Amino acid sequence: MGERLLLSRVAAAAMLGVSTYQVDGLIATKSLPAVRIGRRVFVSRLALENYIGASVLAESLPRQAQA
């Protein structure tokens, strides 16, 4: 079996280098989609990679001049 498709909040936080509190915040604001299985909350590896990609893309776009 290769890599896991679903990551725990703790594993997702470790991959992002942030706290589980911050991951919970991203999940609560729906910035990071989550899957609930019973009482446990998981983040898909693909959703995590998409979040990282979108964040990097947003930072690389030129900022528009504020008037």
N, C-alpha and C. Protein backbone atom coordinates (compact mmCIF):
# COMPACT_ATOMS: atom_id res chain seq x y z
N MET A 1 0.84 -1.19 0.00
CA MET A 1 0.00 0.00 0.00
C MET A 1 0.87 1.23 0.00
N GLY A 2 0.66 2.20 -0.69
CA GLY A 2 1.52 3.38 -0.73
C GLY A 2 1.22 4.35 0.38
N GLU A 3 1.22 5.61 0.03
CA GLU A 3 0.94 6.65 1.01
C GLU A 3 -0.54 6.65 1.39
N ARG A 4 -0.82 7.09 2.57
CA ARG A 4 -2.20 7.16 3.03
C ARG A 4 -2.95 8.26 2.28
N LEU A 5 -4.21 8.01 1.99
CA LEU A 5 -5.04 9.01 1.31
C LEU A 5 -5.57 10.05 2.29
N LEU A 6 -5.84 9.62 3.52
CA LEU A 6 -6.35 10.52 4.53
C LEU A 6 -5.34 10.69 5.65
N LEU A 7 -5.20 11.92 6.10
CA LEU A 7 -4.27 12.24 7.18
C LEU A 7 -5.04 12.74 8.38
N SER A 8 -4.57 12.40 9.55
CA SER A 8 -5.17 12.94 10.77
C SER A 8 -4.85 14.43 10.84
N ARG A 9 -5.55 15.14 11.71
CA ARG A 9 -5.27 16.56 11.90
C ARG A 9 -3.83 16.77 12.36
N VAL A 10 -3.35 15.86 13.19
CA VAL A 10 -1.98 15.96 13.71
C VAL A 10 -0.98 15.78 12.56
N ALA A 11 -1.21 14.79 11.69
CA ALA A 11 -0.31 14.55 10.57
C ALA A 11 -0.36 15.71 9.57
N ALA A 12 -1.56 16.25 9.33
CA ALA A 12 -1.70 17.39 8.42
C ALA A 12 -0.95 18.60 8.98
N ALA A 13 -1.07 18.82 10.28
CA ALA A 13 -0.36 19.93 10.91
C ALA A 13 1.14 19.76 10.79
N ALA A 14 1.61 18.53 10.97
CA ALA A 14 3.05 18.27 10.85
C ALA A 14 3.53 18.53 9.43
N MET A 15 2.74 18.14 8.44
CA MET A 15 3.13 18.37 7.05
C MET A 15 3.20 19.86 6.73
N LEU A 16 2.28 20.64 7.31
CA LEU A 16 2.26 22.08 7.07
C LEU A 16 3.24 22.83 7.96
N GLY A 17 3.67 22.19 9.03
CA GLY A 17 4.57 22.85 9.97
C GLY A 17 3.85 23.84 10.85
N VAL A 18 2.58 23.55 11.15
CA VAL A 18 1.78 24.42 12.00
C VAL A 18 1.18 23.59 13.13
N SER A 19 0.44 24.24 14.01
CA SER A 19 -0.19 23.53 15.12
C SER A 19 -1.52 22.91 14.67
N THR A 20 -2.00 21.96 15.45
CA THR A 20 -3.30 21.37 15.15
C THR A 20 -4.40 22.42 15.33
N TYR A 21 -4.18 23.39 16.21
CA TYR A 21 -5.13 24.48 16.39
C TYR A 21 -5.31 25.24 15.08
N GLN A 22 -4.22 25.50 14.37
CA GLN A 22 -4.30 26.21 13.10
C GLN A 22 -4.99 25.36 12.04
N VAL A 23 -4.74 24.06 12.02
CA VAL A 23 -5.43 23.16 11.10
C VAL A 23 -6.92 23.16 11.41
N ASP A 24 -7.28 23.11 12.68
CA ASP A 24 -8.69 23.17 13.06
C ASP A 24 -9.34 24.46 12.55
N GLY A 25 -8.62 25.55 12.62
CA GLY A 25 -9.13 26.82 12.12
C GLY A 25 -9.36 26.80 10.63
N LEU A 26 -8.42 26.20 9.89
CA LEU A 26 -8.58 26.09 8.43
C LEU A 26 -9.78 25.22 8.08
N ILE A 27 -9.97 24.16 8.86
CA ILE A 27 -11.12 23.28 8.63
C ILE A 27 -12.42 24.02 8.96
N ALA A 28 -12.44 24.77 10.05
CA ALA A 28 -13.64 25.48 10.48
C ALA A 28 -14.07 26.54 9.47
N THR A 29 -13.08 27.19 8.84
CA THR A 29 -13.40 28.23 7.85
C THR A 29 -13.57 27.65 6.46
N LYS A 30 -13.49 26.33 6.36
CA LYS A 30 -13.64 25.61 5.10
C LYS A 30 -12.53 25.95 4.08
N SER A 31 -11.40 26.46 4.58
CA SER A 31 -10.25 26.69 3.73
C SER A 31 -9.56 25.38 3.39
N LEU A 32 -9.74 24.41 4.28
CA LEU A 32 -9.16 23.09 4.11
C LEU A 32 -10.28 22.07 4.31
N PRO A 33 -10.72 21.42 3.23
CA PRO A 33 -11.81 20.45 3.37
C PRO A 33 -11.40 19.27 4.24
N ALA A 34 -12.35 18.77 5.00
CA ALA A 34 -12.08 17.65 5.90
C ALA A 34 -13.15 16.57 5.72
N VAL A 35 -12.79 15.37 6.12
CA VAL A 35 -13.69 14.23 6.07
C VAL A 35 -13.87 13.73 7.50
N ARG A 36 -15.11 13.53 7.90
CA ARG A 36 -15.37 13.01 9.23
C ARG A 36 -15.76 11.55 9.11
N ILE A 37 -15.09 10.71 9.85
CA ILE A 37 -15.41 9.28 9.93
C ILE A 37 -15.62 8.98 11.40
N GLY A 38 -16.88 8.82 11.74
CA GLY A 38 -17.20 8.66 13.15
C GLY A 38 -16.88 9.95 13.88
N ARG A 39 -16.08 9.85 14.92
CA ARG A 39 -15.68 11.04 15.69
C ARG A 39 -14.38 11.64 15.19
N ARG A 40 -13.70 10.93 14.32
CA ARG A 40 -12.38 11.40 13.86
C ARG A 40 -12.50 12.30 12.64
N VAL A 41 -11.59 13.24 12.54
CA VAL A 41 -11.57 14.19 11.43
C VAL A 41 -10.27 13.97 10.66
N PHE A 42 -10.40 13.84 9.35
CA PHE A 42 -9.24 13.61 8.49
C PHE A 42 -9.20 14.66 7.39
N VAL A 43 -8.00 14.88 6.88
CA VAL A 43 -7.79 15.75 5.74
C VAL A 43 -7.20 14.88 4.64
N SER A 44 -7.75 14.98 3.44
CA SER A 44 -7.20 14.17 2.35
C SER A 44 -5.85 14.75 1.92
N ARG A 45 -4.97 13.88 1.52
CA ARG A 45 -3.65 14.30 1.05
C ARG A 45 -3.80 15.25 -0.13
N LEU A 46 -4.74 14.94 -1.03
CA LEU A 46 -4.97 15.78 -2.21
C LEU A 46 -5.45 17.17 -1.80
N ALA A 47 -6.37 17.25 -0.83
CA ALA A 47 -6.86 18.56 -0.36
C ALA A 47 -5.72 19.37 0.25
N LEU A 48 -4.85 18.71 0.97
CA LEU A 48 -3.71 19.38 1.58
C LEU A 48 -2.76 19.91 0.50
N GLU A 49 -2.49 19.10 -0.51
CA GLU A 49 -1.62 19.53 -1.61
C GLU A 49 -2.25 20.68 -2.38
N ASN A 50 -3.56 20.63 -2.59
CA ASN A 50 -4.26 21.72 -3.29
C ASN A 50 -4.21 23.00 -2.48
N TYR A 51 -4.38 22.90 -1.16
CA TYR A 51 -4.31 24.07 -0.30
C TYR A 51 -2.92 24.71 -0.38
N ILE A 52 -1.90 23.88 -0.33
CA ILE A 52 -0.53 24.39 -0.40
C ILE A 52 -0.30 25.05 -1.75
N GLY A 53 -0.74 24.39 -2.82
CA GLY A 53 -0.56 24.95 -4.17
C GLY A 53 -1.29 26.27 -4.34
N ALA A 54 -2.50 26.37 -3.82
CA ALA A 54 -3.27 27.61 -3.93
C ALA A 54 -2.61 28.72 -3.12
N SER A 55 -2.07 28.39 -1.96
CA SER A 55 -1.40 29.39 -1.13
C SER A 55 -0.15 29.92 -1.80
N VAL A 56 0.61 29.02 -2.41
CA VAL A 56 1.84 29.43 -3.10
C VAL A 56 1.49 30.29 -4.30
N LEU A 57 0.45 29.91 -5.04
CA LEU A 57 0.02 30.67 -6.21
C LEU A 57 -0.44 32.06 -5.81
N ALA A 58 -1.21 32.15 -4.74
CA ALA A 58 -1.72 33.45 -4.28
C ALA A 58 -0.57 34.37 -3.87
N GLU A 59 0.46 33.81 -3.27
CA GLU A 59 1.59 34.63 -2.85
C GLU A 59 2.46 35.07 -4.02
N SER A 60 2.45 34.29 -5.11
CA SER A 60 3.31 34.61 -6.24
C SER A 60 2.66 35.60 -7.21
N LEU A 61 1.33 35.80 -7.10
CA LEU A 61 0.66 36.76 -7.96
C LEU A 61 1.01 38.17 -7.52
N PRO A 62 1.19 39.05 -8.50
CA PRO A 62 1.51 40.44 -8.11
C PRO A 62 0.33 41.10 -7.39
N ARG A 63 0.65 41.82 -6.38
CA ARG A 63 -0.39 42.52 -5.62
C ARG A 63 -0.86 43.73 -6.41
N GLN A 64 -2.15 43.95 -6.42
CA GLN A 64 -2.69 45.10 -7.11
C GLN A 64 -2.49 46.34 -6.25
N ALA A 65 -2.23 47.43 -6.90
CA ALA A 65 -2.01 48.68 -6.18
C ALA A 65 -3.29 49.10 -5.47
N GLN A 66 -3.14 49.45 -4.22
CA GLN A 66 -4.30 49.88 -3.45
C GLN A 66 -4.43 51.40 -3.57
N ALA A 67 -5.62 51.85 -3.87
CA ALA A 67 -5.85 53.31 -4.06
C ALA A 67 -6.23 53.97 -2.76
